Amino acid sequence: MAAAVTSGPGWVLGVDSGGSGLRVALAPADAPAHAVSTASREPVRTGPGGIDAAHLLEQLLPMARTLLRRAAEAGAYGAAEAEAPGLVAVAIGAAGMATLGDDLRAVLPHALAQALGVRRVALAADAVTAYAGALDQRPGAVVAAGTGMIALGTDLTGWRRADGWGHLLGDCGGGAWIGRAGLEAAMRAHDGRRGGSAALLERLEAVFGPAEELPGLLYPRSDRPALLASFAPEVARCAADDPVARSILAGAADDIAAAAAAVCPPASSGECEVALTGGLFKMGDPLAVPLRAALAHQLPHARPVSAAGDPLAGSLTVAAALATGSLRLPRHPRMLHVSL
């Protein structure tokens, strides 16, 4: 993405913090689609107090200053840096913000004001920035599915959330859920138990080695959800010829559709836009075909739409709306916390 020349109302910063690292983008407040971005592959730490605000700032501030300097050097302001409009709003979308974001909410607004001179700050759950990236500020529902799975919907008066409870309590239909179900079917085949899949056992051993060694590989890992999710594409590859793999994906589709149905707001026209976003949907037809059928059955008034952008684009959308006084997405103390 290339920066646009602007003499407009200043800059906005969008941040996407997740399991794969930190992404940061800078754009004119009146043209958030024209952004420059940078990324770190180091995920922000989570400790006993939740998401570590100091570690986020340690990565974010140098990245933000670099983007601002590059924009100024490129003449994007159309004026000397001293005369240029500054950073006017920041939106940070973070995985775990709703349940683990207390430190971020306590620390970041003041820290960003001190370090970058910005007072308009939005702290959002990553599902909210995924929503804003997919549907902008329209009512509807978004299902974000990768390793985990969460559905979020709004009629612009409040949020409805379904799942996103992690791989032990939920994330039903997500990558870790599919991968775990596939590995369980493989282990059943290894043992000779009912419900097993020889095809999935063959894939397990090709990917991880002998089946009996899998527990020792899996259980000590701190990244168990990601390891489980890494097997989901193998389930998809087997689905054409293996009824067990096909049944797993049909179950995932039912759970995803159920989550969408739980959050989709009623509309006067009887129609609800539903956008699907996240890496899980790159599986293609093995998941997409049963999901279309499940949505048609469980949510017949849904209108599936393509996601317009990703969570980083969504964070810029929120920041630009905050900067221009046009934020219509519902504020919420944990889902979308705003400081002015």
Protein backbone atom coordinates (compact mmCIF):
# COMPACT_ATOMS: atom_id res chain seq x y z
CA MET A 1 0.00 0.00 0.00
CA ALA A 2 1.32 3.45 -0.85
CA ALA A 3 0.85 6.61 1.19
CA ALA A 4 -1.25 9.37 -0.33
CA VAL A 5 -0.33 13.05 -0.37
CA THR A 6 -2.51 14.90 2.13
CA SER A 7 -2.97 18.25 3.72
CA GLY A 8 -6.10 16.96 5.45
CA PRO A 9 -6.99 16.41 9.08
CA GLY A 10 -3.93 14.40 10.04
CA TRP A 11 -2.97 10.77 10.38
CA VAL A 12 -4.52 7.71 11.96
CA LEU A 13 -2.75 4.59 13.16
CA GLY A 14 -4.24 1.11 13.00
CA VAL A 15 -2.82 -1.83 14.94
CA ASP A 16 -3.59 -5.55 14.72
CA SER A 17 -2.12 -7.69 17.51
CA GLY A 18 -2.52 -11.45 17.28
CA GLY A 19 -0.86 -14.80 17.61
CA SER A 20 1.34 -14.26 14.57
CA GLY A 21 2.71 -10.89 15.68
CA LEU A 22 1.97 -7.18 15.48
CA ARG A 23 0.94 -5.26 12.35
CA VAL A 24 0.80 -1.47 12.22
CA ALA A 25 -0.53 0.81 9.48
CA LEU A 26 -0.56 4.59 9.03
CA ALA A 27 -3.03 6.42 6.80
CA PRO A 28 -4.56 9.87 6.27
CA ALA A 29 -7.60 10.29 8.49
CA ASP A 30 -9.73 11.19 5.47
CA ALA A 31 -8.39 8.34 3.28
CA PRO A 32 -7.80 5.24 5.44
CA ALA A 33 -7.49 3.00 2.38
CA HIS A 34 -4.22 4.77 1.46
CA ALA A 35 -1.92 3.31 4.08
CA VAL A 36 1.68 2.35 4.68
CA SER A 37 2.32 -0.57 7.00
CA THR A 38 4.95 -2.55 8.83
CA ALA A 39 4.94 -5.71 10.91
CA SER A 40 6.69 -7.65 13.65
CA ARG A 41 6.52 -11.42 13.90
CA GLU A 42 6.86 -11.34 17.68
CA PRO A 43 3.47 -11.79 19.37
CA VAL A 44 2.70 -9.49 22.29
CA ARG A 45 3.21 -11.38 25.54
CA THR A 46 0.37 -12.42 27.81
CA GLY A 47 1.12 -12.80 31.50
CA PRO A 48 -0.74 -13.21 34.80
CA GLY A 49 -2.16 -9.70 34.42
CA GLY A 50 -3.37 -10.27 30.86
CA ILE A 51 -1.94 -8.80 27.65
CA ASP A 52 1.34 -7.05 28.50
CA ALA A 53 0.90 -3.34 27.72
CA ALA A 54 4.60 -2.59 28.17
CA HIS A 55 5.59 -5.25 25.65
CA LEU A 56 3.04 -3.94 23.14
CA LEU A 57 4.35 -0.39 23.53
CA GLU A 58 7.95 -1.62 23.24
CA GLN A 59 7.14 -2.86 19.74
CA LEU A 60 4.48 -0.37 18.68
CA LEU A 61 6.15 2.98 19.40
CA PRO A 62 9.28 2.47 17.23
CA MET A 63 7.11 1.12 14.41
CA ALA A 64 4.72 4.07 14.61
CA ARG A 65 7.55 6.61 14.67
CA THR A 66 9.19 4.94 11.68
CA LEU A 67 5.97 5.12 9.66
CA LEU A 68 5.43 8.78 10.59
CA ARG A 69 9.01 9.65 9.66
CA ARG A 70 8.76 7.85 6.31
CA ALA A 71 5.52 9.64 5.50
CA ALA A 72 7.06 13.01 6.33
CA GLU A 73 10.21 12.29 4.33
CA ALA A 74 8.07 11.29 1.36
CA GLY A 75 6.40 14.70 1.47
CA ALA A 76 3.04 13.09 2.17
CA TYR A 77 1.99 16.09 4.25
CA GLY A 78 2.71 18.57 1.50
CA ALA A 79 4.51 20.68 4.11
CA ALA A 80 7.48 20.65 6.42
CA GLU A 81 7.11 18.14 9.22
CA ALA A 82 6.88 20.90 11.83
CA GLU A 83 3.88 22.34 10.02
CA ALA A 84 2.26 19.00 9.27
CA PRO A 85 -0.93 17.73 10.85
CA GLY A 86 -0.04 15.08 13.39
CA LEU A 87 -1.37 11.75 14.55
CA VAL A 88 -4.99 12.30 15.54
CA ALA A 89 -6.33 8.83 16.40
CA VAL A 90 -5.16 5.29 17.11
CA ALA A 91 -7.18 2.07 17.06
CA ILE A 92 -5.70 -1.14 18.43
CA GLY A 93 -7.37 -4.48 17.82
CA ALA A 94 -5.95 -7.26 19.97
CA ALA A 95 -6.69 -10.94 20.33
CA GLY A 96 -7.90 -11.50 23.89
CA MET A 97 -8.77 -7.83 24.48
CA ALA A 98 -12.25 -8.65 25.83
CA THR A 99 -11.01 -10.97 28.58
CA LEU A 100 -7.29 -10.13 28.93
CA GLY A 101 -7.17 -6.42 28.10
CA ASP A 102 -7.32 -4.76 31.54
CA ASP A 103 -3.65 -3.73 31.45
CA LEU A 104 -4.03 -2.32 27.94
CA ARG A 105 -7.10 -0.28 28.89
CA ALA A 106 -5.36 1.05 32.01
CA VAL A 107 -2.03 1.92 30.40
CA LEU A 108 -2.33 2.63 26.69
CA PRO A 109 -4.44 5.83 26.48
CA HIS A 110 -2.07 7.82 28.72
CA ALA A 111 1.07 6.18 27.30
CA LEU A 112 0.09 6.96 23.71
CA ALA A 113 -0.80 10.54 24.62
CA GLN A 114 2.61 10.99 26.23
CA ALA A 115 4.64 9.26 23.52
CA LEU A 116 2.79 10.22 20.33
CA GLY A 117 0.63 13.17 21.37
CA VAL A 118 -2.59 11.38 20.44
CA ARG A 119 -5.63 11.40 22.73
CA ARG A 120 -8.27 9.68 20.61
CA VAL A 121 -7.65 6.00 21.26
CA ALA A 122 -9.88 3.01 20.56
CA LEU A 123 -9.03 -0.36 22.13
CA ALA A 124 -10.97 -3.15 20.49
CA ALA A 125 -11.29 -6.90 20.56
CA ASP A 126 -9.83 -8.35 17.39
CA ALA A 127 -13.32 -9.58 16.49
CA VAL A 128 -14.46 -5.93 16.38
CA THR A 129 -11.65 -4.89 14.03
CA ALA A 130 -12.34 -8.01 11.94
CA TYR A 131 -15.97 -6.85 11.79
CA ALA A 132 -15.01 -3.30 10.78
CA GLY A 133 -12.64 -4.63 8.13
CA ALA A 134 -15.26 -6.95 6.70
CA LEU A 135 -18.46 -4.85 6.86
CA ASP A 136 -17.24 -1.32 7.67
CA GLN A 137 -19.91 0.20 9.96
CA ARG A 138 -22.98 -1.56 8.53
CA PRO A 139 -25.23 -3.81 10.63
CA GLY A 140 -24.74 -7.53 10.08
CA ALA A 141 -22.64 -10.43 11.28
CA VAL A 142 -19.06 -11.54 10.81
CA VAL A 143 -17.55 -14.95 11.46
CA ALA A 144 -13.79 -14.82 11.98
CA ALA A 145 -12.23 -18.27 11.83
CA GLY A 146 -8.63 -19.35 11.85
CA THR A 147 -7.10 -21.39 14.64
CA GLY A 148 -10.14 -20.34 16.69
CA MET A 149 -13.64 -19.19 15.76
CA ILE A 150 -15.79 -16.29 16.90
CA ALA A 151 -18.93 -14.70 15.53
CA LEU A 152 -19.88 -11.08 16.14
CA GLY A 153 -23.00 -9.22 15.10
CA THR A 154 -24.51 -5.79 15.63
CA ASP A 155 -27.55 -3.73 14.80
CA LEU A 156 -25.40 -0.69 15.69
CA THR A 157 -26.99 -0.41 19.14
CA GLY A 158 -25.12 -3.28 20.81
CA TRP A 159 -22.90 -6.29 20.13
CA ARG A 160 -23.87 -9.95 20.00
CA ARG A 161 -21.05 -12.44 20.46
CA ALA A 162 -20.98 -16.20 20.02
CA ASP A 163 -18.06 -18.48 20.87
CA GLY A 164 -14.44 -17.37 20.78
CA TRP A 165 -13.97 -19.15 24.11
CA GLY A 166 -10.71 -20.90 23.26
CA HIS A 167 -9.91 -24.43 22.16
CA LEU A 168 -10.80 -26.05 25.51
CA LEU A 169 -14.22 -24.43 25.95
CA GLY A 170 -15.32 -23.65 22.43
CA ASP A 171 -13.99 -22.22 19.15
CA CYS A 172 -16.29 -24.85 17.65
CA GLY A 173 -15.72 -25.31 13.95
CA GLY A 174 -12.37 -23.47 13.99
CA GLY A 175 -9.05 -24.83 12.82
CA ALA A 176 -8.00 -26.30 16.18
CA TRP A 177 -11.45 -27.92 16.53
CA ILE A 178 -11.21 -29.50 13.06
CA GLY A 179 -7.61 -30.59 13.59
CA ARG A 180 -8.34 -32.15 16.99
CA ALA A 181 -11.35 -34.03 15.58
CA GLY A 182 -9.21 -35.30 12.71
CA LEU A 183 -6.45 -36.45 15.03
CA GLU A 184 -8.97 -38.16 17.32
CA ALA A 185 -10.36 -40.07 14.33
CA ALA A 186 -6.82 -41.06 13.40
CA MET A 187 -6.10 -42.32 16.92
CA ARG A 188 -9.35 -44.30 16.86
CA ALA A 189 -8.15 -46.00 13.68
CA HIS A 190 -4.77 -46.67 15.30
CA ASP A 191 -6.54 -48.40 18.22
CA GLY A 192 -9.09 -50.23 16.09
CA ARG A 193 -11.98 -48.37 17.71
CA ARG A 194 -15.23 -47.45 16.01
CA GLY A 195 -15.29 -44.09 14.25
CA GLY A 196 -11.70 -44.17 13.11
CA SER A 197 -10.25 -43.08 9.79
CA ALA A 198 -7.40 -44.96 8.16
CA ALA A 199 -6.89 -42.06 5.75
CA LEU A 200 -6.47 -39.58 8.60
CA LEU A 201 -4.16 -42.00 10.44
CA GLU A 202 -1.97 -42.14 7.35
CA ARG A 203 -1.85 -38.33 7.23
CA LEU A 204 -1.11 -38.09 10.98
CA GLU A 205 1.91 -40.36 10.61
CA ALA A 206 3.10 -38.53 7.50
CA VAL A 207 2.96 -35.17 9.32
CA PHE A 208 3.84 -36.02 12.93
CA GLY A 209 5.44 -39.46 12.90
CA PRO A 210 4.26 -42.59 14.76
CA ALA A 211 0.77 -42.15 16.21
CA GLU A 212 1.69 -43.39 19.67
CA GLU A 213 4.25 -40.59 19.96
CA LEU A 214 1.74 -37.81 19.25
CA PRO A 215 0.67 -37.23 22.89
CA GLY A 216 4.27 -36.62 23.91
CA LEU A 217 4.64 -34.14 21.07
CA LEU A 218 1.34 -32.37 21.65
CA TYR A 219 0.73 -32.05 25.38
CA PRO A 220 3.94 -30.25 26.48
CA ARG A 221 3.53 -27.58 23.80
CA SER A 222 2.42 -24.07 24.76
CA ASP A 223 1.07 -23.60 21.22
CA ARG A 224 -1.27 -26.60 21.26
CA PRO A 225 -4.12 -24.79 19.45
CA ALA A 226 -1.83 -23.88 16.55
CA LEU A 227 -0.46 -27.43 16.38
CA LEU A 228 -3.96 -28.87 16.31
CA ALA A 229 -5.03 -26.37 13.66
CA SER A 230 -2.07 -27.34 11.48
CA PHE A 231 -3.82 -30.68 10.87
CA ALA A 232 -7.08 -29.09 9.65
CA PRO A 233 -5.88 -28.83 6.02
CA GLU A 234 -5.15 -32.58 6.12
CA VAL A 235 -8.77 -33.22 7.09
CA ALA A 236 -9.85 -31.10 4.12
CA ARG A 237 -7.54 -33.00 1.76
CA CYS A 238 -9.07 -36.31 2.85
CA ALA A 239 -12.68 -35.16 2.70
CA ALA A 240 -13.30 -36.04 -0.96
CA ASP A 241 -12.68 -39.75 -0.38
CA ASP A 242 -13.06 -40.25 3.37
CA PRO A 243 -16.52 -40.11 4.99
CA VAL A 244 -15.09 -39.47 8.47
CA ALA A 245 -13.17 -36.39 7.30
CA ARG A 246 -16.24 -35.24 5.39
CA SER A 247 -18.37 -35.65 8.52
CA ILE A 248 -15.90 -33.58 10.57
CA LEU A 249 -16.11 -30.69 8.12
CA ALA A 250 -19.90 -30.95 8.02
CA GLY A 251 -19.92 -30.67 11.82
CA ALA A 252 -17.62 -27.64 11.64
CA ALA A 253 -19.94 -26.02 9.10
CA ASP A 254 -22.94 -26.60 11.37
CA ASP A 255 -21.15 -25.00 14.33
CA ILE A 256 -20.02 -21.98 12.28
CA ALA A 257 -23.54 -21.48 10.94
CA ALA A 258 -24.99 -21.81 14.44
CA ALA A 259 -22.65 -19.09 15.71
CA ALA A 260 -23.63 -16.81 12.82
CA ALA A 261 -27.32 -17.45 13.50
CA ALA A 262 -26.83 -16.57 17.18
CA VAL A 263 -25.42 -13.11 16.44
CA CYS A 264 -27.13 -12.02 13.21
CA PRO A 265 -29.38 -9.07 14.06
CA PRO A 266 -32.94 -9.00 12.74
CA ALA A 267 -33.44 -6.56 9.88
CA SER A 268 -36.61 -4.87 8.74
CA SER A 269 -36.11 -6.43 5.31
CA GLY A 270 -35.61 -9.85 6.87
CA GLU A 271 -32.09 -9.99 5.44
CA CYS A 272 -28.77 -10.06 7.30
CA GLU A 273 -25.36 -9.58 5.73
CA VAL A 274 -22.93 -12.28 6.87
CA ALA A 275 -19.23 -12.01 6.06
CA LEU A 276 -16.72 -14.81 6.54
CA THR A 277 -13.14 -13.82 7.25
CA GLY A 278 -9.99 -15.60 8.38
CA GLY A 279 -7.55 -18.21 7.16
CA LEU A 280 -9.85 -21.18 7.77
CA PHE A 281 -11.98 -20.28 4.78
CA LYS A 282 -8.99 -20.69 2.47
CA MET A 283 -9.78 -24.43 2.66
CA GLY A 284 -12.16 -23.91 -0.23
CA ASP A 285 -14.95 -26.29 -1.20
CA PRO A 286 -14.42 -29.03 1.42
CA LEU A 287 -15.64 -26.53 4.03
CA ALA A 288 -17.40 -23.96 1.84
CA VAL A 289 -19.92 -26.40 0.33
CA PRO A 290 -21.28 -27.75 3.64
CA LEU A 291 -21.13 -24.26 5.14
CA ARG A 292 -23.32 -22.81 2.39
CA ALA A 293 -25.84 -25.57 3.05
CA ALA A 294 -25.69 -25.05 6.82
CA LEU A 295 -26.20 -21.29 6.50
CA ALA A 296 -29.14 -21.77 4.14
CA HIS A 297 -30.74 -24.16 6.64
CA GLN A 298 -30.02 -22.30 9.90
CA LEU A 299 -30.06 -18.72 8.66
CA PRO A 300 -32.25 -18.57 5.56
CA HIS A 301 -32.45 -14.76 5.66
CA ALA A 302 -28.65 -14.40 5.53
CA ARG A 303 -26.93 -12.79 2.56
CA PRO A 304 -23.32 -13.99 2.43
CA VAL A 305 -20.95 -11.22 1.34
CA SER A 306 -17.22 -11.04 0.75
CA ALA A 307 -15.19 -9.41 3.50
CA ALA A 308 -14.03 -6.01 2.25
CA GLY A 309 -10.82 -6.04 4.29
CA ASP A 310 -8.89 -7.71 7.09
CA PRO A 311 -8.59 -6.75 10.80
CA LEU A 312 -5.75 -4.29 10.12
CA ALA A 313 -7.95 -2.47 7.61
CA GLY A 314 -10.68 -2.61 10.23
CA SER A 315 -8.50 -0.93 12.82
CA LEU A 316 -7.84 1.90 10.35
CA THR A 317 -11.58 2.16 9.70
CA VAL A 318 -12.22 2.54 13.43
CA ALA A 319 -9.38 5.05 13.86
CA ALA A 320 -10.55 7.17 10.91
CA ALA A 321 -14.13 7.16 12.20
CA LEU A 322 -12.89 8.17 15.63
CA ALA A 323 -10.82 10.99 14.13
CA THR A 324 -13.68 12.36 12.06
CA GLY A 325 -16.42 11.93 14.67
CA SER A 326 -18.26 9.35 12.58
CA LEU A 327 -17.83 6.22 14.74
CA ARG A 328 -21.15 4.34 14.65
CA LEU A 329 -20.04 0.94 15.91
CA PRO A 330 -21.33 0.39 19.47
CA ARG A 331 -18.98 1.29 22.27
CA HIS A 332 -18.52 -1.36 24.93
CA PRO A 333 -16.18 -1.43 27.95
CA ARG A 334 -14.47 -4.62 26.77
CA MET A 335 -15.30 -4.96 23.08
CA LEU A 336 -14.71 -1.35 21.94
CA HIS A 337 -13.30 1.00 24.58
CA VAL A 338 -12.83 4.62 23.45
CA SER A 339 -10.77 7.37 25.09
CA LEU A 340 -11.04 10.97 23.86
